[in-house]
Structures are given as structure tokens and as C-alpha cells.
Amino acid sequence: MEIVYIIAIVLISLSLTLSMVRLVKGPTAADRVLALDTMSIIVTAALTLLAYHYQRYIYVDVALIYAVLGFVGVIIIARYLERAL
């Protein structure tokens, strides 16, 4: 089971790195917002993996709250970019 955690950590790290590249390199603001949203989802997955690994299920609640706040933040930024806010 330890190999599964290592593979999951490697994949999460790789996807977080690729999202960071898109955040820095993104030609438009919409690309950067999409990269931030993707990074928020990846961090939520990492928190859930940590909760399972350490048998501390309070981290799942933290991950859910982080996911909701990330979603609301992306909606607010998208509204701002459309000048509707």
C-alpha cells in the first residue's frame, strides 16, 4: 500500500507543477484563473490523501471547506474579469 501513496504523491506533485507553469506562462487572465482553479482541486485531492494516510478524517472537512472557498474565489475572479462585479 505504501507504493500507492508514493505514486499518488508523485502524480499530485507533477500535476501541481504543470499547473504552476500554466499559471506563470498563461497568455491570458482566463488561463491563469483556470490554473488557479486546477491547483485548488489538486490541493483538495492532496488534503484528502493526507487524511486517509494519517487516519485523521478532520482533514477531509478541511479539504471540503477549501474546495468550496476555492470555487467561490474562482467565481468572484471570473465575474471581475467580465466586469460584471
PDB file of N, CA and C in Angstrom:
ATOM      1  N   MET A   1       0.815  -1.195   0.000  1.00  0.00           N
ATOM      2  CA  MET A   1       0.000   0.000   0.000  1.00  0.00           C
ATOM      3  C   MET A   1       0.857   1.258   0.000  1.00  0.00           C
ATOM      4  N   GLU A   2       2.076   1.125   0.484  1.00  0.00           N
ATOM      5  CA  GLU A   2       2.976   2.284   0.517  1.00  0.00           C
ATOM      6  C   GLU A   2       3.320   2.769  -0.888  1.00  0.00           C
ATOM      7  N   ILE A   3       3.418   1.858  -1.846  1.00  0.00           N
ATOM      8  CA  ILE A   3       3.743   2.248  -3.220  1.00  0.00           C
ATOM      9  C   ILE A   3       2.617   3.075  -3.835  1.00  0.00           C
ATOM     10  N   VAL A   4       1.392   2.823  -3.411  1.00  0.00           N
ATOM     11  CA  VAL A   4       0.259   3.592  -3.914  1.00  0.00           C
ATOM     12  C   VAL A   4       0.360   5.046  -3.457  1.00  0.00           C
ATOM     13  N   TYR A   5       0.749   5.247  -2.203  1.00  0.00           N
ATOM     14  CA  TYR A   5       0.917   6.615  -1.702  1.00  0.00           C
ATOM     15  C   TYR A   5       2.035   7.337  -2.435  1.00  0.00           C
ATOM     16  N   ILE A   6       3.114   6.641  -2.693  1.00  0.00           N
ATOM     17  CA  ILE A   6       4.239   7.263  -3.393  1.00  0.00           C
ATOM     18  C   ILE A   6       3.830   7.652  -4.809  1.00  0.00           C
ATOM     19  N   ILE A   7       3.132   6.769  -5.494  1.00  0.00           N
ATOM     20  CA  ILE A   7       2.678   7.079  -6.853  1.00  0.00           C
ATOM     21  C   ILE A   7       1.701   8.248  -6.832  1.00  0.00           C
ATOM     22  N   ALA A   8       0.793   8.264  -5.866  1.00  0.00           N
ATOM     23  CA  ALA A   8      -0.176   9.357  -5.770  1.00  0.00           C
ATOM     24  C   ALA A   8       0.519  10.684  -5.482  1.00  0.00           C
ATOM     25  N   ILE A   9       1.505  10.687  -4.603  1.00  0.00           N
ATOM     26  CA  ILE A   9       2.232  11.919  -4.288  1.00  0.00           C
ATOM     27  C   ILE A   9       2.999  12.412  -5.508  1.00  0.00           C
ATOM     28  N   VAL A  10       3.609  11.495  -6.250  1.00  0.00           N
ATOM     29  CA  VAL A  10       4.343  11.883  -7.457  1.00  0.00           C
ATOM     30  C   VAL A  10       3.392  12.491  -8.495  1.00  0.00           C
ATOM     31  N   LEU A  11       2.244  11.858  -8.687  1.00  0.00           N
ATOM     32  CA  LEU A  11       1.279  12.383  -9.669  1.00  0.00           C
ATOM     33  C   LEU A  11       0.706  13.724  -9.238  1.00  0.00           C
ATOM     34  N   ILE A  12       0.416  13.884  -7.959  1.00  0.00           N
ATOM     35  CA  ILE A  12      -0.090  15.170  -7.469  1.00  0.00           C
ATOM     36  C   ILE A  12       0.975  16.246  -7.610  1.00  0.00           C
ATOM     37  N   SER A  13       2.222  15.910  -7.303  1.00  0.00           N
ATOM     38  CA  SER A  13       3.310  16.888  -7.451  1.00  0.00           C
ATOM     39  C   SER A  13       3.510  17.282  -8.907  1.00  0.00           C
ATOM     40  N   LEU A  14       3.443  16.302  -9.792  1.00  0.00           N
ATOM     41  CA  LEU A  14       3.599  16.585 -11.216  1.00  0.00           C
ATOM     42  C   LEU A  14       2.471  17.477 -11.731  1.00  0.00           C
ATOM     43  N   SER A  15       1.255  17.164 -11.355  1.00  0.00           N
ATOM     44  CA  SER A  15       0.136  17.976 -11.826  1.00  0.00           C
ATOM     45  C   SER A  15       0.168  19.377 -11.219  1.00  0.00           C
ATOM     46  N   LEU A  16       0.607  19.489  -9.982  1.00  0.00           N
ATOM     47  CA  LEU A  16       0.731  20.816  -9.370  1.00  0.00           C
ATOM     48  C   LEU A  16       1.811  21.639 -10.063  1.00  0.00           C
ATOM     49  N   THR A  17       2.902  20.983 -10.442  1.00  0.00           N
ATOM     50  CA  THR A  17       3.970  21.673 -11.166  1.00  0.00           C
ATOM     51  C   THR A  17       3.499  22.152 -12.542  1.00  0.00           C
ATOM     52  N   LEU A  18       2.775  21.301 -13.244  1.00  0.00           N
ATOM     53  CA  LEU A  18       2.262  21.703 -14.557  1.00  0.00           C
ATOM     54  C   LEU A  18       1.250  22.838 -14.454  1.00  0.00           C
ATOM     55  N   SER A  19       0.446  22.827 -13.410  1.00  0.00           N
ATOM     56  CA  SER A  19      -0.495  23.926 -13.203  1.00  0.00           C
ATOM     57  C   SER A  19       0.236  25.216 -12.863  1.00  0.00           C
ATOM     58  N   MET A  20       1.322  25.102 -12.115  1.00  0.00           N
ATOM     59  CA  MET A  20       2.114  26.285 -11.787  1.00  0.00           C
ATOM     60  C   MET A  20       2.739  26.881 -13.045  1.00  0.00           C
ATOM     61  N   VAL A  21       3.174  26.022 -13.961  1.00  0.00           N
ATOM     62  CA  VAL A  21       3.723  26.507 -15.235  1.00  0.00           C
ATOM     63  C   VAL A  21       2.647  27.261 -16.012  1.00  0.00           C
ATOM     64  N   ARG A  22       1.426  26.719 -16.045  1.00  0.00           N
ATOM     65  CA  ARG A  22       0.337  27.382 -16.748  1.00  0.00           C
ATOM     66  C   ARG A  22      -0.014  28.705 -16.078  1.00  0.00           C
ATOM     67  N   LEU A  23       0.101  28.754 -14.756  1.00  0.00           N
ATOM     68  CA  LEU A  23      -0.182  29.991 -14.035  1.00  0.00           C
ATOM     69  C   LEU A  23       0.817  31.078 -14.402  1.00  0.00           C
ATOM     70  N   VAL A  24       2.072  30.713 -14.501  1.00  0.00           N
ATOM     71  CA  VAL A  24       3.110  31.700 -14.822  1.00  0.00           C
ATOM     72  C   VAL A  24       3.111  32.033 -16.310  1.00  0.00           C
ATOM     73  N   LYS A  25       2.944  31.029 -17.154  1.00  0.00           N
ATOM     74  CA  LYS A  25       3.091  31.203 -18.593  1.00  0.00           C
ATOM     75  C   LYS A  25       1.805  31.628 -19.300  1.00  0.00           C
ATOM     76  N   GLY A  26       0.652  31.427 -18.651  1.00  0.00           N
ATOM     77  CA  GLY A  26      -0.640  31.663 -19.288  1.00  0.00           C
ATOM     78  C   GLY A  26      -0.731  32.985 -20.021  1.00  0.00           C
ATOM     79  N   PRO A  27      -1.066  32.955 -21.287  1.00  0.00           N
ATOM     80  CA  PRO A  27      -1.088  34.202 -22.049  1.00  0.00           C
ATOM     81  C   PRO A  27      -2.245  35.128 -21.673  1.00  0.00           C
ATOM     82  N   THR A  28      -3.336  34.594 -21.177  1.00  0.00           N
ATOM     83  CA  THR A  28      -4.474  35.439 -20.823  1.00  0.00           C
ATOM     84  C   THR A  28      -4.807  35.269 -19.345  1.00  0.00           C
ATOM     85  N   ALA A  29      -5.605  36.184 -18.859  1.00  0.00           N
ATOM     86  CA  ALA A  29      -6.024  36.108 -17.460  1.00  0.00           C
ATOM     87  C   ALA A  29      -6.929  34.902 -17.224  1.00  0.00           C
ATOM     88  N   ALA A  30      -7.699  34.527 -18.229  1.00  0.00           N
ATOM     89  CA  ALA A  30      -8.577  33.367 -18.082  1.00  0.00           C
ATOM     90  C   ALA A  30      -7.756  32.082 -17.896  1.00  0.00           C
ATOM     91  N   ASP A  31      -6.614  31.984 -18.583  1.00  0.00           N
ATOM     92  CA  ASP A  31      -5.739  30.820 -18.396  1.00  0.00           C
ATOM     93  C   ASP A  31      -5.195  30.774 -16.970  1.00  0.00           C
ATOM     94  N   ARG A  32      -4.872  31.929 -16.447  1.00  0.00           N
ATOM     95  CA  ARG A  32      -4.347  31.979 -15.083  1.00  0.00           C
ATOM     96  C   ARG A  32      -5.418  31.609 -14.060  1.00  0.00           C
ATOM     97  N   VAL A  33      -6.636  32.060 -14.278  1.00  0.00           N
ATOM     98  CA  VAL A  33      -7.729  31.700 -13.377  1.00  0.00           C
ATOM     99  C   VAL A  33      -7.997  30.201 -13.442  1.00  0.00           C
ATOM    100  N   LEU A  34      -7.961  29.647 -14.626  1.00  0.00           N
ATOM    101  CA  LEU A  34      -8.158  28.203 -14.781  1.00  0.00           C
ATOM    102  C   LEU A  34      -7.051  27.427 -14.086  1.00  0.00           C
ATOM    103  N   ALA A  35      -5.823  27.919 -14.156  1.00  0.00           N
ATOM    104  CA  ALA A  35      -4.712  27.264 -13.467  1.00  0.00           C
ATOM    105  C   ALA A  35      -4.894  27.334 -11.949  1.00  0.00           C
ATOM    106  N   LEU A  36      -5.378  28.464 -11.446  1.00  0.00           N
ATOM    107  CA  LEU A  36      -5.635  28.567 -10.008  1.00  0.00           C
ATOM    108  C   LEU A  36      -6.738  27.614  -9.569  1.00  0.00           C
ATOM    109  N   ASP A  37      -7.766  27.483 -10.387  1.00  0.00           N
ATOM    110  CA  ASP A  37      -8.849  26.560 -10.064  1.00  0.00           C
ATOM    111  C   ASP A  37      -8.341  25.119 -10.070  1.00  0.00           C
ATOM    112  N   THR A  38      -7.516  24.791 -11.030  1.00  0.00           N
ATOM    113  CA  THR A  38      -6.939  23.449 -11.098  1.00  0.00           C
ATOM    114  C   THR A  38      -6.053  23.174  -9.890  1.00  0.00           C
ATOM    115  N   MET A  39      -5.266  24.165  -9.493  1.00  0.00           N
ATOM    116  CA  MET A  39      -4.412  23.994  -8.330  1.00  0.00           C
ATOM    117  C   MET A  39      -5.243  23.816  -7.057  1.00  0.00           C
ATOM    118  N   SER A  40      -6.354  24.498  -6.982  1.00  0.00           N
ATOM    119  CA  SER A  40      -7.248  24.336  -5.835  1.00  0.00           C
ATOM    120  C   SER A  40      -7.791  22.910  -5.759  1.00  0.00           C
ATOM    121  N   ILE A  41      -8.163  22.350  -6.883  1.00  0.00           N
ATOM    122  CA  ILE A  41      -8.664  20.981  -6.923  1.00  0.00           C
ATOM    123  C   ILE A  41      -7.553  19.991  -6.561  1.00  0.00           C
ATOM    124  N   ILE A  42      -6.350  20.246  -7.022  1.00  0.00           N
ATOM    125  CA  ILE A  42      -5.225  19.356  -6.725  1.00  0.00           C
ATOM    126  C   ILE A  42      -4.893  19.389  -5.231  1.00  0.00           C
ATOM    127  N   VAL A  43      -4.920  20.568  -4.635  1.00  0.00           N
ATOM    128  CA  VAL A  43      -4.647  20.670  -3.200  1.00  0.00           C
ATOM    129  C   VAL A  43      -5.742  19.969  -2.402  1.00  0.00           C
ATOM    130  N   THR A  44      -6.980  20.053  -2.864  1.00  0.00           N
ATOM    131  CA  THR A  44      -8.069  19.327  -2.207  1.00  0.00           C
ATOM    132  C   THR A  44      -7.826  17.824  -2.259  1.00  0.00           C
ATOM    133  N   ALA A  45      -7.374  17.338  -3.391  1.00  0.00           N
ATOM    134  CA  ALA A  45      -7.052  15.910  -3.507  1.00  0.00           C
ATOM    135  C   ALA A  45      -5.887  15.539  -2.596  1.00  0.00           C
ATOM    136  N   ALA A  46      -4.899  16.402  -2.487  1.00  0.00           N
ATOM    137  CA  ALA A  46      -3.755  16.127  -1.616  1.00  0.00           C
ATOM    138  C   ALA A  46      -4.183  16.099  -0.151  1.00  0.00           C
ATOM    139  N   LEU A  47      -5.052  17.017   0.249  1.00  0.00           N
ATOM    140  CA  LEU A  47      -5.543  17.007   1.628  1.00  0.00           C
ATOM    141  C   LEU A  47      -6.348  15.741   1.932  1.00  0.00           C
ATOM    142  N   THR A  48      -7.124  15.292   0.964  1.00  0.00           N
ATOM    143  CA  THR A  48      -7.886  14.062   1.154  1.00  0.00           C
ATOM    144  C   THR A  48      -6.957  12.861   1.263  1.00  0.00           C
ATOM    145  N   LEU A  49      -5.911  12.848   0.460  1.00  0.00           N
ATOM    146  CA  LEU A  49      -4.930  11.763   0.545  1.00  0.00           C
ATOM    147  C   LEU A  49      -4.223  11.770   1.900  1.00  0.00           C
ATOM    148  N   LEU A  50      -3.888  12.946   2.393  1.00  0.00           N
ATOM    149  CA  LEU A  50      -3.259  13.040   3.706  1.00  0.00           C
ATOM    150  C   LEU A  50      -4.202  12.576   4.813  1.00  0.00           C
ATOM    151  N   ALA A  51      -5.474  12.915   4.680  1.00  0.00           N
ATOM    152  CA  ALA A  51      -6.458  12.488   5.678  1.00  0.00           C
ATOM    153  C   ALA A  51      -6.545  10.968   5.725  1.00  0.00           C
ATOM    154  N   TYR A  52      -6.536  10.351   4.587  1.00  0.00           N
ATOM    155  CA  TYR A  52      -6.603   8.891   4.537  1.00  0.00           C
ATOM    156  C   TYR A  52      -5.323   8.248   5.075  1.00  0.00           C
ATOM    157  N   HIS A  53      -4.199   8.843   4.721  1.00  0.00           N
ATOM    158  CA  HIS A  53      -2.915   8.273   5.129  1.00  0.00           C
ATOM    159  C   HIS A  53      -2.709   8.363   6.640  1.00  0.00           C
ATOM    160  N   TYR A  54      -3.043   9.505   7.233  1.00  0.00           N
ATOM    161  CA  TYR A  54      -2.835   9.702   8.662  1.00  0.00           C
ATOM    162  C   TYR A  54      -4.033   9.293   9.515  1.00  0.00           C
ATOM    163  N   GLN A  55      -5.088   8.794   8.884  1.00  0.00           N
ATOM    164  CA  GLN A  55      -6.297   8.386   9.598  1.00  0.00           C
ATOM    165  C   GLN A  55      -6.886   9.536  10.420  1.00  0.00           C
ATOM    166  N   ARG A  56      -6.759  10.757   9.926  1.00  0.00           N
ATOM    167  CA  ARG A  56      -7.311  11.950  10.573  1.00  0.00           C
ATOM    168  C   ARG A  56      -8.363  12.515   9.638  1.00  0.00           C
ATOM    169  N   TYR A  57      -9.592  12.144   9.866  1.00  0.00           N
ATOM    170  CA  TYR A  57     -10.655  12.478   8.927  1.00  0.00           C
ATOM    171  C   TYR A  57     -11.158  13.918   9.061  1.00  0.00           C
ATOM    172  N   ILE A  58     -10.617  14.650  10.019  1.00  0.00           N
ATOM    173  CA  ILE A  58     -10.938  16.070  10.105  1.00  0.00           C
ATOM    174  C   ILE A  58     -10.339  16.807   8.901  1.00  0.00           C
ATOM    175  N   TYR A  59      -9.279  16.241   8.327  1.00  0.00           N
ATOM    176  CA  TYR A  59      -8.670  16.842   7.139  1.00  0.00           C
ATOM    177  C   TYR A  59      -9.604  16.797   5.937  1.00  0.00           C
ATOM    178  N   VAL A  60     -10.507  15.846   5.915  1.00  0.00           N
ATOM    179  CA  VAL A  60     -11.487  15.783   4.829  1.00  0.00           C
ATOM    180  C   VAL A  60     -12.428  16.989   4.922  1.00  0.00           C
ATOM    181  N   ASP A  61     -12.815  17.351   6.149  1.00  0.00           N
ATOM    182  CA  ASP A  61     -13.638  18.540   6.329  1.00  0.00           C
ATOM    183  C   ASP A  61     -12.885  19.797   5.884  1.00  0.00           C
ATOM    184  N   VAL A  62     -11.618  19.854   6.225  1.00  0.00           N
ATOM    185  CA  VAL A  62     -10.793  20.991   5.793  1.00  0.00           C
ATOM    186  C   VAL A  62     -10.711  21.033   4.273  1.00  0.00           C
ATOM    187  N   ALA A  63     -10.555  19.876   3.652  1.00  0.00           N
ATOM    188  CA  ALA A  63     -10.483  19.811   2.187  1.00  0.00           C
ATOM    189  C   ALA A  63     -11.793  20.267   1.548  1.00  0.00           C
ATOM    190  N   LEU A  64     -12.918  19.869   2.131  1.00  0.00           N
ATOM    191  CA  LEU A  64     -14.212  20.298   1.587  1.00  0.00           C
ATOM    192  C   LEU A  64     -14.407  21.806   1.708  1.00  0.00           C
ATOM    193  N   ILE A  65     -14.040  22.364   2.842  1.00  0.00           N
ATOM    194  CA  ILE A  65     -14.154  23.815   3.016  1.00  0.00           C
ATOM    195  C   ILE A  65     -13.224  24.533   2.053  1.00  0.00           C
ATOM    196  N   TYR A  66     -12.018  24.011   1.892  1.00  0.00           N
ATOM    197  CA  TYR A  66     -11.072  24.613   0.944  1.00  0.00           C
ATOM    198  C   TYR A  66     -11.612  24.549  -0.483  1.00  0.00           C
ATOM    199  N   ALA A  67     -12.259  23.458  -0.843  1.00  0.00           N
ATOM    200  CA  ALA A  67     -12.827  23.322  -2.187  1.00  0.00           C
ATOM    201  C   ALA A  67     -13.949  24.320  -2.413  1.00  0.00           C
ATOM    202  N   VAL A  68     -14.810  24.505  -1.419  1.00  0.00           N
ATOM    203  CA  VAL A  68     -15.907  25.471  -1.559  1.00  0.00           C
ATOM    204  C   VAL A  68     -15.363  26.887  -1.661  1.00  0.00           C
ATOM    205  N   LEU A  69     -14.401  27.221  -0.818  1.00  0.00           N
ATOM    206  CA  LEU A  69     -13.816  28.567  -0.878  1.00  0.00           C
ATOM    207  C   LEU A  69     -13.072  28.795  -2.190  1.00  0.00           C
ATOM    208  N   GLY A  70     -12.411  27.764  -2.697  1.00  0.00           N
ATOM    209  CA  GLY A  70     -11.739  27.890  -3.993  1.00  0.00           C
ATOM    210  C   GLY A  70     -12.727  28.117  -5.121  1.00  0.00           C
ATOM    211  N   PHE A  71     -13.853  27.413  -5.074  1.00  0.00           N
ATOM    212  CA  PHE A  71     -14.891  27.588  -6.091  1.00  0.00           C
ATOM    213  C   PHE A  71     -15.468  29.000  -6.043  1.00  0.00           C
ATOM    214  N   VAL A  72     -15.769  29.476  -4.854  1.00  0.00           N
ATOM    215  CA  VAL A  72     -16.319  30.823  -4.712  1.00  0.00           C
ATOM    216  C   VAL A  72     -15.301  31.864  -5.179  1.00  0.00           C
ATOM    217  N   GLY A  73     -14.033  31.634  -4.853  1.00  0.00           N
ATOM    218  CA  GLY A  73     -12.994  32.566  -5.300  1.00  0.00           C
ATOM    219  C   GLY A  73     -12.872  32.624  -6.812  1.00  0.00           C
ATOM    220  N   VAL A  74     -12.961  31.489  -7.461  1.00  0.00           N
ATOM    221  CA  VAL A  74     -12.875  31.460  -8.927  1.00  0.00           C
ATOM    222  C   VAL A  74     -14.088  32.162  -9.540  1.00  0.00           C
ATOM    223  N   ILE A  75     -15.259  31.977  -8.972  1.00  0.00           N
ATOM    224  CA  ILE A  75     -16.459  32.660  -9.470  1.00  0.00           C
ATOM    225  C   ILE A  75     -16.313  34.166  -9.329  1.00  0.00           C
ATOM    226  N   ILE A  76     -15.804  34.618  -8.210  1.00  0.00           N
ATOM    227  CA  ILE A  76     -15.622  36.059  -7.999  1.00  0.00           C
ATOM    228  C   ILE A  76     -14.603  36.621  -8.980  1.00  0.00           C
ATOM    229  N   ILE A  77     -13.509  35.928  -9.194  1.00  0.00           N
ATOM    230  CA  ILE A  77     -12.492  36.407 -10.133  1.00  0.00           C
ATOM    231  C   ILE A  77     -13.042  36.416 -11.558  1.00  0.00           C
ATOM    232  N   ALA A  78     -13.804  35.389 -11.923  1.00  0.00           N
ATOM    233  CA  ALA A  78     -14.387  35.347 -13.268  1.00  0.00           C
ATOM    234  C   ALA A  78     -15.372  36.493 -13.466  1.00  0.00           C
ATOM    235  N   ARG A  79     -16.177  36.788 -12.451  1.00  0.00           N
ATOM    236  CA  ARG A  79     -17.107  37.921 -12.550  1.00  0.00           C
ATOM    237  C   ARG A  79     -16.348  39.235 -12.693  1.00  0.00           C
ATOM    238  N   TYR A  80     -15.241  39.356 -11.955  1.00  0.00           N
ATOM    239  CA  TYR A  80     -14.433  40.571 -12.034  1.00  0.00           C
ATOM    240  C   TYR A  80     -13.831  40.727 -13.432  1.00  0.00           C
ATOM    241  N   LEU A  81     -13.365  39.619 -14.011  1.00  0.00           N
ATOM    242  CA  LEU A  81     -12.764  39.681 -15.340  1.00  0.00           C
ATOM    243  C   LEU A  81     -13.796  40.046 -16.404  1.00  0.00           C
ATOM    244  N   GLU A  82     -15.036  39.675 -16.180  1.00  0.00           N
ATOM    245  CA  GLU A  82     -16.101  40.020 -17.130  1.00  0.00           C
ATOM    246  C   GLU A  82     -16.628  41.431 -16.874  1.00  0.00           C
ATOM    247  N   ARG A  83     -16.138  42.074 -15.851  1.00  0.00           N
ATOM    248  CA  ARG A  83     -16.569  43.417 -15.453  1.00  0.00           C
ATOM    249  C   ARG A  83     -18.036  43.442 -15.001  1.00  0.00           C
ATOM    250  N   ALA A  84     -18.521  42.302 -14.504  1.00  0.00           N
ATOM    251  CA  ALA A  84     -19.911  42.223 -14.070  1.00  0.00           C
ATOM    252  C   ALA A  84     -20.023  42.427 -12.562  1.00  0.00           C
ATOM    253  N   LEU A  85     -18.921  42.610 -11.908  1.00  0.00           N
ATOM    254  CA  LEU A  85     -18.976  42.759 -10.456  1.00  0.00           C
ATOM    255  C   LEU A  85     -18.818  44.204 -10.058  1.00  0.00           C
TER     256      LEU A  85
END
